[in-house]
Amino acid sequence: MALSIHLPQTVEQSLNNYCANHAITQDQAIEQALEQFLSTQYQPSNAYELGQAGFGADETHAGDIARNSKQLLRKKFSGESAS
């Protein structure tokens, strides 16, 4: 895959120095850096982690929602407080 990026001059100079010191091409250095970054920084979330922020967002998490769902829905749509 071809990729074109514009680097700040200081970053480009650091990259050039790194490549010269390690006898590798810029492509190799960037590929290695991205592989390392993505393997340590990027951790795909599981379904629980993706939804965790929304759990209980409707403020009905107190008690047994499954058993009280009809009652909670009636209260919600009638404008009553669900607590």
N, C-alpha and C. Protein backbone atom coordinates (compact mmCIF):
# COMPACT_ATOMS: atom_id res chain seq x y z
N MET A 1 0.85 -1.17 0.00
CA MET A 1 0.00 0.00 0.00
C MET A 1 0.90 1.24 0.00
N ALA A 2 0.61 2.13 -0.88
CA ALA A 2 1.36 3.38 -0.93
C ALA A 2 0.70 4.38 0.02
N LEU A 3 1.52 5.12 0.73
CA LEU A 3 1.01 6.10 1.68
C LEU A 3 1.91 7.33 1.61
N SER A 4 1.29 8.47 1.58
CA SER A 4 2.05 9.71 1.52
C SER A 4 1.69 10.56 2.73
N ILE A 5 2.70 10.98 3.48
CA ILE A 5 2.45 11.83 4.65
C ILE A 5 3.43 13.00 4.63
N HIS A 6 3.03 14.08 5.27
CA HIS A 6 3.89 15.24 5.43
C HIS A 6 4.31 15.29 6.89
N LEU A 7 5.60 15.28 7.12
CA LEU A 7 6.14 15.30 8.47
C LEU A 7 6.68 16.68 8.80
N PRO A 8 6.55 17.10 10.04
CA PRO A 8 7.23 18.34 10.45
C PRO A 8 8.73 18.17 10.22
N GLN A 9 9.41 19.25 9.95
CA GLN A 9 10.83 19.20 9.62
C GLN A 9 11.65 18.51 10.71
N THR A 10 11.32 18.77 11.97
CA THR A 10 12.09 18.15 13.06
C THR A 10 11.89 16.64 13.10
N VAL A 11 10.68 16.18 12.83
CA VAL A 11 10.40 14.74 12.81
C VAL A 11 11.10 14.10 11.63
N GLU A 12 11.07 14.76 10.48
CA GLU A 12 11.74 14.22 9.30
C GLU A 12 13.24 14.10 9.53
N GLN A 13 13.83 15.10 10.18
CA GLN A 13 15.27 15.05 10.46
C GLN A 13 15.59 13.92 11.44
N SER A 14 14.75 13.75 12.45
CA SER A 14 14.95 12.65 13.40
C SER A 14 14.85 11.30 12.70
N LEU A 15 13.88 11.18 11.79
CA LEU A 15 13.72 9.95 11.02
C LEU A 15 14.96 9.68 10.17
N ASN A 16 15.45 10.72 9.50
CA ASN A 16 16.66 10.57 8.69
C ASN A 16 17.85 10.13 9.53
N ASN A 17 18.01 10.74 10.70
CA ASN A 17 19.11 10.36 11.59
C ASN A 17 18.97 8.91 12.06
N TYR A 18 17.76 8.53 12.44
CA TYR A 18 17.52 7.16 12.89
C TYR A 18 17.86 6.16 11.79
N CYS A 19 17.39 6.45 10.58
CA CYS A 19 17.63 5.55 9.45
C CYS A 19 19.12 5.43 9.15
N ALA A 20 19.83 6.53 9.20
CA ALA A 20 21.27 6.50 8.93
C ALA A 20 22.00 5.69 10.01
N ASN A 21 21.62 5.89 11.27
CA ASN A 21 22.27 5.17 12.37
C ASN A 21 21.97 3.69 12.39
N HIS A 22 20.81 3.29 11.86
CA HIS A 22 20.40 1.89 11.89
C HIS A 22 20.49 1.22 10.52
N ALA A 23 20.97 1.95 9.54
CA ALA A 23 21.14 1.41 8.18
C ALA A 23 19.86 0.78 7.64
N ILE A 24 18.74 1.52 7.77
CA ILE A 24 17.46 1.06 7.23
C ILE A 24 16.83 2.20 6.44
N THR A 25 15.87 1.85 5.62
CA THR A 25 15.18 2.87 4.83
C THR A 25 14.10 3.54 5.68
N GLN A 26 13.63 4.68 5.19
CA GLN A 26 12.53 5.35 5.89
C GLN A 26 11.29 4.46 5.92
N ASP A 27 11.02 3.79 4.81
CA ASP A 27 9.87 2.88 4.76
C ASP A 27 9.96 1.80 5.84
N GLN A 28 11.16 1.23 5.99
CA GLN A 28 11.34 0.18 7.00
C GLN A 28 11.15 0.74 8.41
N ALA A 29 11.71 1.91 8.65
CA ALA A 29 11.59 2.52 9.99
C ALA A 29 10.14 2.84 10.32
N ILE A 30 9.43 3.41 9.36
CA ILE A 30 8.03 3.77 9.59
C ILE A 30 7.18 2.52 9.78
N GLU A 31 7.44 1.50 8.98
CA GLU A 31 6.69 0.24 9.12
C GLU A 31 6.92 -0.37 10.50
N GLN A 32 8.18 -0.42 10.94
CA GLN A 32 8.50 -0.96 12.26
C GLN A 32 7.83 -0.15 13.37
N ALA A 33 7.87 1.16 13.24
CA ALA A 33 7.28 2.02 14.27
C ALA A 33 5.77 1.82 14.34
N LEU A 34 5.12 1.74 13.19
CA LEU A 34 3.67 1.53 13.19
C LEU A 34 3.29 0.16 13.74
N GLU A 35 4.05 -0.87 13.36
CA GLU A 35 3.77 -2.20 13.88
C GLU A 35 3.89 -2.23 15.40
N GLN A 36 4.93 -1.61 15.92
CA GLN A 36 5.12 -1.58 17.37
C GLN A 36 4.02 -0.76 18.04
N PHE A 37 3.72 0.38 17.50
CA PHE A 37 2.68 1.24 18.08
C PHE A 37 1.33 0.53 18.09
N LEU A 38 0.96 -0.04 16.96
CA LEU A 38 -0.35 -0.68 16.86
C LEU A 38 -0.44 -1.93 17.72
N SER A 39 0.64 -2.65 17.90
CA SER A 39 0.58 -3.87 18.71
C SER A 39 0.50 -3.56 20.20
N THR A 40 1.02 -2.41 20.62
CA THR A 40 1.00 -2.09 22.05
C THR A 40 -0.09 -1.09 22.42
N GLN A 41 -0.48 -0.23 21.50
CA GLN A 41 -1.45 0.81 21.81
C GLN A 41 -2.87 0.45 21.42
N TYR A 42 -3.03 -0.25 20.35
CA TYR A 42 -4.36 -0.54 19.84
C TYR A 42 -4.83 -1.88 20.36
N GLN A 43 -5.79 -1.86 21.22
CA GLN A 43 -6.38 -3.08 21.74
C GLN A 43 -7.87 -3.04 21.39
N PRO A 44 -8.31 -3.87 20.45
CA PRO A 44 -9.72 -3.84 20.09
C PRO A 44 -10.59 -4.15 21.31
N SER A 45 -11.66 -3.42 21.43
CA SER A 45 -12.57 -3.61 22.55
C SER A 45 -13.49 -4.79 22.30
N ASN A 46 -13.85 -5.44 23.38
CA ASN A 46 -14.85 -6.49 23.24
C ASN A 46 -16.23 -5.83 23.38
N ALA A 47 -17.27 -6.59 23.17
CA ALA A 47 -18.62 -6.05 23.18
C ALA A 47 -18.95 -5.38 24.52
N TYR A 48 -18.52 -5.96 25.61
CA TYR A 48 -18.80 -5.38 26.93
C TYR A 48 -18.15 -4.00 27.06
N GLU A 49 -16.86 -3.90 26.68
CA GLU A 49 -16.16 -2.62 26.80
C GLU A 49 -16.78 -1.56 25.91
N LEU A 50 -17.22 -1.95 24.70
CA LEU A 50 -17.84 -0.99 23.80
C LEU A 50 -19.14 -0.44 24.37
N GLY A 51 -19.91 -1.25 25.06
CA GLY A 51 -21.20 -0.81 25.57
C GLY A 51 -21.19 -0.32 26.99
N GLN A 52 -20.06 -0.47 27.68
CA GLN A 52 -19.99 -0.18 29.11
C GLN A 52 -20.42 1.24 29.46
N ALA A 53 -20.05 2.21 28.65
CA ALA A 53 -20.41 3.60 28.95
C ALA A 53 -21.91 3.81 28.95
N GLY A 54 -22.66 3.00 28.19
CA GLY A 54 -24.09 3.17 28.11
C GLY A 54 -24.88 2.33 29.09
N PHE A 55 -24.23 1.41 29.78
CA PHE A 55 -24.95 0.57 30.73
C PHE A 55 -25.51 1.42 31.86
N GLY A 56 -26.79 1.32 32.06
CA GLY A 56 -27.42 2.09 33.13
C GLY A 56 -27.65 3.54 32.76
N ALA A 57 -27.39 3.91 31.51
CA ALA A 57 -27.55 5.31 31.10
C ALA A 57 -29.00 5.76 31.20
N ASP A 58 -29.92 4.82 31.14
CA ASP A 58 -31.33 5.19 31.25
C ASP A 58 -31.79 5.28 32.71
N GLU A 59 -30.87 5.08 33.62
CA GLU A 59 -31.11 5.18 35.06
C GLU A 59 -32.14 4.19 35.58
N THR A 60 -32.29 3.06 34.91
CA THR A 60 -33.22 2.03 35.38
C THR A 60 -32.47 0.80 35.88
N HIS A 61 -31.18 0.95 36.12
CA HIS A 61 -30.37 -0.21 36.47
C HIS A 61 -30.60 -0.72 37.90
N ALA A 62 -31.36 -0.01 38.68
CA ALA A 62 -31.62 -0.48 40.04
C ALA A 62 -32.65 -1.61 40.00
N GLY A 63 -32.38 -2.67 40.69
CA GLY A 63 -33.32 -3.79 40.75
C GLY A 63 -33.21 -4.71 39.55
N ASP A 64 -34.22 -5.51 39.36
CA ASP A 64 -34.23 -6.51 38.30
C ASP A 64 -34.99 -5.96 37.09
N ILE A 65 -34.28 -5.47 36.13
CA ILE A 65 -34.89 -4.85 34.97
C ILE A 65 -35.70 -5.86 34.17
N ALA A 66 -35.19 -7.07 34.03
CA ALA A 66 -35.90 -8.08 33.24
C ALA A 66 -37.28 -8.36 33.79
N ARG A 67 -37.38 -8.49 35.09
CA ARG A 67 -38.69 -8.80 35.70
C ARG A 67 -39.59 -7.59 35.75
N ASN A 68 -39.01 -6.41 35.82
CA ASN A 68 -39.80 -5.19 35.97
C ASN A 68 -39.86 -4.36 34.70
N SER A 69 -39.52 -4.94 33.56
CA SER A 69 -39.42 -4.15 32.33
C SER A 69 -40.74 -3.49 31.94
N LYS A 70 -41.86 -4.21 32.04
CA LYS A 70 -43.15 -3.62 31.67
C LYS A 70 -43.47 -2.44 32.57
N GLN A 71 -43.27 -2.62 33.85
CA GLN A 71 -43.55 -1.54 34.81
C GLN A 71 -42.62 -0.34 34.55
N LEU A 72 -41.37 -0.60 34.30
CA LEU A 72 -40.41 0.47 34.04
C LEU A 72 -40.76 1.21 32.75
N LEU A 73 -41.17 0.48 31.72
CA LEU A 73 -41.56 1.12 30.46
C LEU A 73 -42.81 1.97 30.64
N ARG A 74 -43.78 1.45 31.39
CA ARG A 74 -45.00 2.25 31.64
C ARG A 74 -44.65 3.56 32.33
N LYS A 75 -43.80 3.48 33.35
CA LYS A 75 -43.38 4.68 34.07
C LYS A 75 -42.62 5.64 33.16
N LYS A 76 -41.77 5.09 32.32
CA LYS A 76 -40.96 5.90 31.44
C LYS A 76 -41.84 6.67 30.46
N PHE A 77 -42.81 5.99 29.86
CA PHE A 77 -43.65 6.64 28.86
C PHE A 77 -44.77 7.48 29.46
N SER A 78 -45.08 7.29 30.74
CA SER A 78 -46.09 8.12 31.37
C SER A 78 -45.47 9.36 32.01
N GLY A 79 -44.13 9.41 32.02
CA GLY A 79 -43.45 10.58 32.56
C GLY A 79 -43.12 10.45 34.04
N GLU A 80 -43.44 9.32 34.66
CA GLU A 80 -43.12 9.12 36.08
C GLU A 80 -41.64 8.82 36.24
N SER A 81 -41.15 9.01 37.44
CA SER A 81 -39.76 8.66 37.75
C SER A 81 -39.67 7.15 37.88
N ALA A 82 -38.60 6.57 37.32
CA ALA A 82 -38.42 5.12 37.34
C ALA A 82 -37.80 4.63 38.63
N SER A 83 -37.42 5.50 39.54
CA SER A 83 -36.74 5.04 40.75
C SER A 83 -37.65 4.47 41.77
